[in-house]
Each structure stands twice: as structure tokens, then as C-alpha cells.
Amino acid sequence: MKQAKDEAEKEMEEYRSRLEEEYQTQISGTEQEAAAKRLEEETDGRIQNLKESSSNVSKEIVKMLI
């Protein structure tokens, strides 16, 4: 009887550990996805700013040359 109880407790602990590991993996993946999305948005914003700046500078250079 005690052996069966010990085995059941061991199985429960293994199951609990497996669930915790899966949970941590999911959380980690979600955090990485959020960070990647945020980085992509920041990069897109910076690219847009550079395009606008270069367009303005190009117009000014053309005016100076004329």
C-alpha cells in the first residue's frame, strides 16, 4: 500500500514538473514573440523617419544646386 502511494506521488510530481516545463516554454515563446514584434515596429518607424529625412534633404540639395 505504501509503495503504491509512493509511486502515485512520484507520478504526480513528474506530471506537475512536465506541466510546469510546458508552461514556462509557452511563456518564453510569447515573450520572445512580443519582443520581436516590438523590435520590428521600432525598426519600421526608424526606416520611415529616415526616408522622410532623406526626402527633405534631397529637396534642399536640389534647391541649393539650382
PDB file of N, CA and C in Angstrom:
ATOM      1  N   MET A   1       0.827  -1.189   0.000  1.00  0.00           N
ATOM      2  CA  MET A   1       0.000   0.000   0.000  1.00  0.00           C
ATOM      3  C   MET A   1       0.879   1.264   0.000  1.00  0.00           C
ATOM      4  N   LYS A   2       1.897   1.258   0.861  1.00  0.00           N
ATOM      5  CA  LYS A   2       2.796   2.406   0.930  1.00  0.00           C
ATOM      6  C   LYS A   2       3.548   2.570  -0.382  1.00  0.00           C
ATOM      7  N   GLN A   3       3.937   1.446  -0.984  1.00  0.00           N
ATOM      8  CA  GLN A   3       4.665   1.505  -2.244  1.00  0.00           C
ATOM      9  C   GLN A   3       3.780   2.122  -3.335  1.00  0.00           C
ATOM     10  N   ALA A   4       2.512   1.746  -3.376  1.00  0.00           N
ATOM     11  CA  ALA A   4       1.586   2.300  -4.365  1.00  0.00           C
ATOM     12  C   ALA A   4       1.427   3.807  -4.153  1.00  0.00           C
ATOM     13  N   LYS A   5       1.342   4.213  -2.893  1.00  0.00           N
ATOM     14  CA  LYS A   5       1.214   5.637  -2.572  1.00  0.00           C
ATOM     15  C   LYS A   5       2.463   6.394  -3.022  1.00  0.00           C
ATOM     16  N   ASP A   6       3.637   5.825  -2.747  1.00  0.00           N
ATOM     17  CA  ASP A   6       4.892   6.462  -3.141  1.00  0.00           C
ATOM     18  C   ASP A   6       4.988   6.594  -4.663  1.00  0.00           C
ATOM     19  N   GLU A   7       4.579   5.537  -5.365  1.00  0.00           N
ATOM     20  CA  GLU A   7       4.611   5.572  -6.826  1.00  0.00           C
ATOM     21  C   GLU A   7       3.642   6.620  -7.372  1.00  0.00           C
ATOM     22  N   ALA A   8       2.463   6.705  -6.773  1.00  0.00           N
ATOM     23  CA  ALA A   8       1.478   7.696  -7.206  1.00  0.00           C
ATOM     24  C   ALA A   8       2.005   9.112  -6.977  1.00  0.00           C
ATOM     25  N   GLU A   9       2.633   9.337  -5.838  1.00  0.00           N
ATOM     26  CA  GLU A   9       3.201  10.657  -5.552  1.00  0.00           C
ATOM     27  C   GLU A   9       4.316  10.994  -6.536  1.00  0.00           C
ATOM     28  N   LYS A  10       5.115   9.994  -6.870  1.00  0.00           N
ATOM     29  CA  LYS A  10       6.203  10.202  -7.829  1.00  0.00           C
ATOM     30  C   LYS A  10       5.636  10.562  -9.202  1.00  0.00           C
ATOM     31  N   GLU A  11       4.603   9.846  -9.630  1.00  0.00           N
ATOM     32  CA  GLU A  11       3.972  10.129 -10.917  1.00  0.00           C
ATOM     33  C   GLU A  11       3.354  11.525 -10.927  1.00  0.00           C
ATOM     34  N   MET A  12       2.721  11.904  -9.815  1.00  0.00           N
ATOM     35  CA  MET A  12       2.126  13.239  -9.728  1.00  0.00           C
ATOM     36  C   MET A  12       3.201  14.320  -9.821  1.00  0.00           C
ATOM     37  N   GLU A  13       4.310  14.112  -9.172  1.00  0.00           N
ATOM     38  CA  GLU A  13       5.399  15.089  -9.204  1.00  0.00           C
ATOM     39  C   GLU A  13       5.986  15.199 -10.613  1.00  0.00           C
ATOM     40  N   GLU A  14       6.149  14.062 -11.289  1.00  0.00           N
ATOM     41  CA  GLU A  14       6.652  14.085 -12.661  1.00  0.00           C
ATOM     42  C   GLU A  14       5.680  14.821 -13.581  1.00  0.00           C
ATOM     43  N   TYR A  15       4.391  14.557 -13.405  1.00  0.00           N
ATOM     44  CA  TYR A  15       3.363  15.219 -14.208  1.00  0.00           C
ATOM     45  C   TYR A  15       3.376  16.724 -13.947  1.00  0.00           C
ATOM     46  N   ARG A  16       3.449  17.098 -12.685  1.00  0.00           N
ATOM     47  CA  ARG A  16       3.488  18.508 -12.305  1.00  0.00           C
ATOM     48  C   ARG A  16       4.722  19.189 -12.909  1.00  0.00           C
ATOM     49  N   SER A  17       5.850  18.515 -12.867  1.00  0.00           N
ATOM     50  CA  SER A  17       7.085  19.065 -13.443  1.00  0.00           C
ATOM     51  C   SER A  17       6.959  19.247 -14.950  1.00  0.00           C
ATOM     52  N   ARG A  18       6.355  18.272 -15.602  1.00  0.00           N
ATOM     53  CA  ARG A  18       6.171  18.338 -17.053  1.00  0.00           C
ATOM     54  C   ARG A  18       5.251  19.506 -17.426  1.00  0.00           C
ATOM     55  N   LEU A  19       4.163  19.670 -16.665  1.00  0.00           N
ATOM     56  CA  LEU A  19       3.256  20.789 -16.921  1.00  0.00           C
ATOM     57  C   LEU A  19       3.948  22.132 -16.698  1.00  0.00           C
ATOM     58  N   GLU A  20       4.732  22.226 -15.647  1.00  0.00           N
ATOM     59  CA  GLU A  20       5.456  23.467 -15.357  1.00  0.00           C
ATOM     60  C   GLU A  20       6.440  23.788 -16.483  1.00  0.00           C
ATOM     61  N   GLU A  21       7.122  22.786 -16.972  1.00  0.00           N
ATOM     62  CA  GLU A  21       8.077  22.985 -18.062  1.00  0.00           C
ATOM     63  C   GLU A  21       7.364  23.471 -19.326  1.00  0.00           C
ATOM     64  N   GLU A  22       6.223  22.862 -19.655  1.00  0.00           N
ATOM     65  CA  GLU A  22       5.450  23.287 -20.821  1.00  0.00           C
ATOM     66  C   GLU A  22       4.970  24.727 -20.661  1.00  0.00           C
ATOM     67  N   TYR A  23       4.520  25.062 -19.467  1.00  0.00           N
ATOM     68  CA  TYR A  23       4.047  26.414 -19.177  1.00  0.00           C
ATOM     69  C   TYR A  23       5.173  27.426 -19.360  1.00  0.00           C
ATOM     70  N   GLN A  24       6.340  27.129 -18.816  1.00  0.00           N
ATOM     71  CA  GLN A  24       7.479  28.041 -18.933  1.00  0.00           C
ATOM     72  C   GLN A  24       7.900  28.209 -20.396  1.00  0.00           C
ATOM     73  N   THR A  25       7.820  27.139 -21.165  1.00  0.00           N
ATOM     74  CA  THR A  25       8.155  27.202 -22.588  1.00  0.00           C
ATOM     75  C   THR A  25       7.182  28.114 -23.323  1.00  0.00           C
ATOM     76  N   GLN A  26       5.897  27.994 -23.009  1.00  0.00           N
ATOM     77  CA  GLN A  26       4.891  28.838 -23.648  1.00  0.00           C
ATOM     78  C   GLN A  26       5.096  30.301 -23.289  1.00  0.00           C
ATOM     79  N   ILE A  27       5.370  30.572 -22.028  1.00  0.00           N
ATOM     80  CA  ILE A  27       5.589  31.949 -21.591  1.00  0.00           C
ATOM     81  C   ILE A  27       6.805  32.529 -22.299  1.00  0.00           C
ATOM     82  N   SER A  28       7.860  31.771 -22.358  1.00  0.00           N
ATOM     83  CA  SER A  28       9.090  32.225 -23.003  1.00  0.00           C
ATOM     84  C   SER A  28       8.841  32.535 -24.476  1.00  0.00           C
ATOM     85  N   GLY A  29       8.120  31.672 -25.146  1.00  0.00           N
ATOM     86  CA  GLY A  29       7.811  31.883 -26.558  1.00  0.00           C
ATOM     87  C   GLY A  29       6.982  33.135 -26.773  1.00  0.00           C
ATOM     88  N   THR A  30       6.013  33.365 -25.907  1.00  0.00           N
ATOM     89  CA  THR A  30       5.166  34.545 -26.008  1.00  0.00           C
ATOM     90  C   THR A  30       5.978  35.812 -25.800  1.00  0.00           C
ATOM     91  N   GLU A  31       6.868  35.798 -24.833  1.00  0.00           N
ATOM     92  CA  GLU A  31       7.709  36.966 -24.566  1.00  0.00           C
ATOM     93  C   GLU A  31       8.632  37.253 -25.746  1.00  0.00           C
ATOM     94  N   GLN A  32       9.165  36.213 -26.345  1.00  0.00           N
ATOM     95  CA  GLN A  32      10.054  36.393 -27.493  1.00  0.00           C
ATOM     96  C   GLN A  32       9.284  36.957 -28.685  1.00  0.00           C
ATOM     97  N   GLU A  33       8.064  36.467 -28.889  1.00  0.00           N
ATOM     98  CA  GLU A  33       7.244  36.975 -29.986  1.00  0.00           C
ATOM     99  C   GLU A  33       6.923  38.446 -29.781  1.00  0.00           C
ATOM    100  N   ALA A  34       6.586  38.819 -28.548  1.00  0.00           N
ATOM    101  CA  ALA A  34       6.268  40.216 -28.248  1.00  0.00           C
ATOM    102  C   ALA A  34       7.485  41.103 -28.462  1.00  0.00           C
ATOM    103  N   ALA A  35       8.643  40.637 -28.033  1.00  0.00           N
ATOM    104  CA  ALA A  35       9.874  41.417 -28.209  1.00  0.00           C
ATOM    105  C   ALA A  35      10.206  41.566 -29.693  1.00  0.00           C
ATOM    106  N   ALA A  36      10.033  40.510 -30.455  1.00  0.00           N
ATOM    107  CA  ALA A  36      10.315  40.563 -31.891  1.00  0.00           C
ATOM    108  C   ALA A  36       9.359  41.528 -32.588  1.00  0.00           C
ATOM    109  N   LYS A  37       8.099  41.491 -32.204  1.00  0.00           N
ATOM    110  CA  LYS A  37       7.112  42.390 -32.805  1.00  0.00           C
ATOM    111  C   LYS A  37       7.439  43.842 -32.470  1.00  0.00           C
ATOM    112  N   ARG A  38       7.787  44.100 -31.212  1.00  0.00           N
ATOM    113  CA  ARG A  38       8.130  45.459 -30.788  1.00  0.00           C
ATOM    114  C   ARG A  38       9.359  45.958 -31.555  1.00  0.00           C
ATOM    115  N   LEU A  39      10.358  45.101 -31.702  1.00  0.00           N
ATOM    116  CA  LEU A  39      11.568  45.463 -32.435  1.00  0.00           C
ATOM    117  C   LEU A  39      11.251  45.761 -33.897  1.00  0.00           C
ATOM    118  N   GLU A  40      10.400  44.957 -34.490  1.00  0.00           N
ATOM    119  CA  GLU A  40      10.019  45.173 -35.886  1.00  0.00           C
ATOM    120  C   GLU A  40       9.296  46.509 -36.052  1.00  0.00           C
ATOM    121  N   GLU A  41       8.396  46.834 -35.120  1.00  0.00           N
ATOM    122  CA  GLU A  41       7.675  48.106 -35.183  1.00  0.00           C
ATOM    123  C   GLU A  41       8.631  49.288 -35.032  1.00  0.00           C
ATOM    124  N   GLU A  42       9.571  49.180 -34.102  1.00  0.00           N
ATOM    125  CA  GLU A  42      10.552  50.248 -33.912  1.00  0.00           C
ATOM    126  C   GLU A  42      11.413  50.424 -35.162  1.00  0.00           C
ATOM    127  N   THR A  43      11.823  49.317 -35.746  1.00  0.00           N
ATOM    128  CA  THR A  43      12.648  49.365 -36.953  1.00  0.00           C
ATOM    129  C   THR A  43      11.880  50.007 -38.104  1.00  0.00           C
ATOM    130  N   ASP A  44      10.621  49.614 -38.277  1.00  0.00           N
ATOM    131  CA  ASP A  44       9.803  50.205 -39.337  1.00  0.00           C
ATOM    132  C   ASP A  44       9.654  51.709 -39.137  1.00  0.00           C
ATOM    133  N   GLY A  45       9.455  52.133 -37.895  1.00  0.00           N
ATOM    134  CA  GLY A  45       9.339  53.563 -37.597  1.00  0.00           C
ATOM    135  C   GLY A  45      10.614  54.314 -37.923  1.00  0.00           C
ATOM    136  N   ARG A  46      11.737  53.741 -37.578  1.00  0.00           N
ATOM    137  CA  ARG A  46      13.022  54.387 -37.870  1.00  0.00           C
ATOM    138  C   ARG A  46      13.275  54.466 -39.372  1.00  0.00           C
ATOM    139  N   ILE A  47      12.925  53.416 -40.083  1.00  0.00           N
ATOM    140  CA  ILE A  47      13.094  53.420 -41.540  1.00  0.00           C
ATOM    141  C   ILE A  47      12.235  54.519 -42.154  1.00  0.00           C
ATOM    142  N   GLN A  48      11.010  54.643 -41.689  1.00  0.00           N
ATOM    143  CA  GLN A  48      10.116  55.682 -42.201  1.00  0.00           C
ATOM    144  C   GLN A  48      10.693  57.070 -41.932  1.00  0.00           C
ATOM    145  N   ASN A  49      11.216  57.280 -40.725  1.00  0.00           N
ATOM    146  CA  ASN A  49      11.828  58.575 -40.388  1.00  0.00           C
ATOM    147  C   ASN A  49      13.022  58.873 -41.292  1.00  0.00           C
ATOM    148  N   LEU A  50      13.842  57.867 -41.552  1.00  0.00           N
ATOM    149  CA  LEU A  50      14.995  58.059 -42.435  1.00  0.00           C
ATOM    150  C   LEU A  50      14.560  58.400 -43.859  1.00  0.00           C
ATOM    151  N   LYS A  51      13.513  57.742 -44.335  1.00  0.00           N
ATOM    152  CA  LYS A  51      13.011  58.037 -45.679  1.00  0.00           C
ATOM    153  C   LYS A  51      12.524  59.475 -45.765  1.00  0.00           C
ATOM    154  N   GLU A  52      11.783  59.915 -44.754  1.00  0.00           N
ATOM    155  CA  GLU A  52      11.275  61.285 -44.744  1.00  0.00           C
ATOM    156  C   GLU A  52      12.424  62.285 -44.677  1.00  0.00           C
ATOM    157  N   SER A  53      13.391  62.012 -43.834  1.00  0.00           N
ATOM    158  CA  SER A  53      14.538  62.916 -43.699  1.00  0.00           C
ATOM    159  C   SER A  53      15.324  63.005 -44.996  1.00  0.00           C
ATOM    160  N   SER A  54      15.562  61.863 -45.621  1.00  0.00           N
ATOM    161  CA  SER A  54      16.335  61.873 -46.868  1.00  0.00           C
ATOM    162  C   SER A  54      15.567  62.584 -47.974  1.00  0.00           C
ATOM    163  N   SER A  55      14.265  62.450 -47.984  1.00  0.00           N
ATOM    164  CA  SER A  55      13.455  63.145 -48.978  1.00  0.00           C
ATOM    165  C   SER A  55      13.563  64.652 -48.795  1.00  0.00           C
ATOM    166  N   ASN A  56      13.473  65.120 -47.562  1.00  0.00           N
ATOM    167  CA  ASN A  56      13.583  66.551 -47.273  1.00  0.00           C
ATOM    168  C   ASN A  56      14.968  67.077 -47.624  1.00  0.00           C
ATOM    169  N   VAL A  57      15.983  66.325 -47.277  1.00  0.00           N
ATOM    170  CA  VAL A  57      17.356  66.743 -47.565  1.00  0.00           C
ATOM    171  C   VAL A  57      17.588  66.778 -49.074  1.00  0.00           C
ATOM    172  N   SER A  58      17.056  65.806 -49.786  1.00  0.00           N
ATOM    173  CA  SER A  58      17.217  65.768 -51.244  1.00  0.00           C
ATOM    174  C   SER A  58      16.625  67.019 -51.879  1.00  0.00           C
ATOM    175  N   LYS A  59      15.453  67.423 -51.430  1.00  0.00           N
ATOM    176  CA  LYS A  59      14.809  68.623 -51.969  1.00  0.00           C
ATOM    177  C   LYS A  59      15.664  69.857 -51.696  1.00  0.00           C
ATOM    178  N   GLU A  60      16.219  69.938 -50.508  1.00  0.00           N
ATOM    179  CA  GLU A  60      17.060  71.082 -50.153  1.00  0.00           C
ATOM    180  C   GLU A  60      18.335  71.116 -50.997  1.00  0.00           C
ATOM    181  N   ILE A  61      18.920  69.974 -51.241  1.00  0.00           N
ATOM    182  CA  ILE A  61      20.143  69.902 -52.049  1.00  0.00           C
ATOM    183  C   ILE A  61      19.854  70.333 -53.482  1.00  0.00           C
ATOM    184  N   VAL A  62      18.730  69.889 -54.021  1.00  0.00           N
ATOM    185  CA  VAL A  62      18.354  70.277 -55.383  1.00  0.00           C
ATOM    186  C   VAL A  62      18.183  71.789 -55.453  1.00  0.00           C
ATOM    187  N   LYS A  63      17.534  72.383 -54.466  1.00  0.00           N
ATOM    188  CA  LYS A  63      17.353  73.840 -54.434  1.00  0.00           C
ATOM    189  C   LYS A  63      18.699  74.550 -54.379  1.00  0.00           C
ATOM    190  N   MET A  64      19.628  74.017 -53.612  1.00  0.00           N
ATOM    191  CA  MET A  64      20.947  74.638 -53.486  1.00  0.00           C
ATOM    192  C   MET A  64      21.712  74.567 -54.808  1.00  0.00           C
ATOM    193  N   LEU A  65      21.537  73.484 -55.539  1.00  0.00           N
ATOM    194  CA  LEU A  65      22.251  73.309 -56.795  1.00  0.00           C
ATOM    195  C   LEU A  65      21.676  74.168 -57.920  1.00  0.00           C
ATOM    196  N   ILE A  66      20.438  74.499 -57.822  1.00  0.00           N
ATOM    197  CA  ILE A  66      19.787  75.285 -58.884  1.00  0.00           C
ATOM    198  C   ILE A  66      20.080  76.717 -58.725  1.00  0.00           C
TER     199      ILE A  66
END
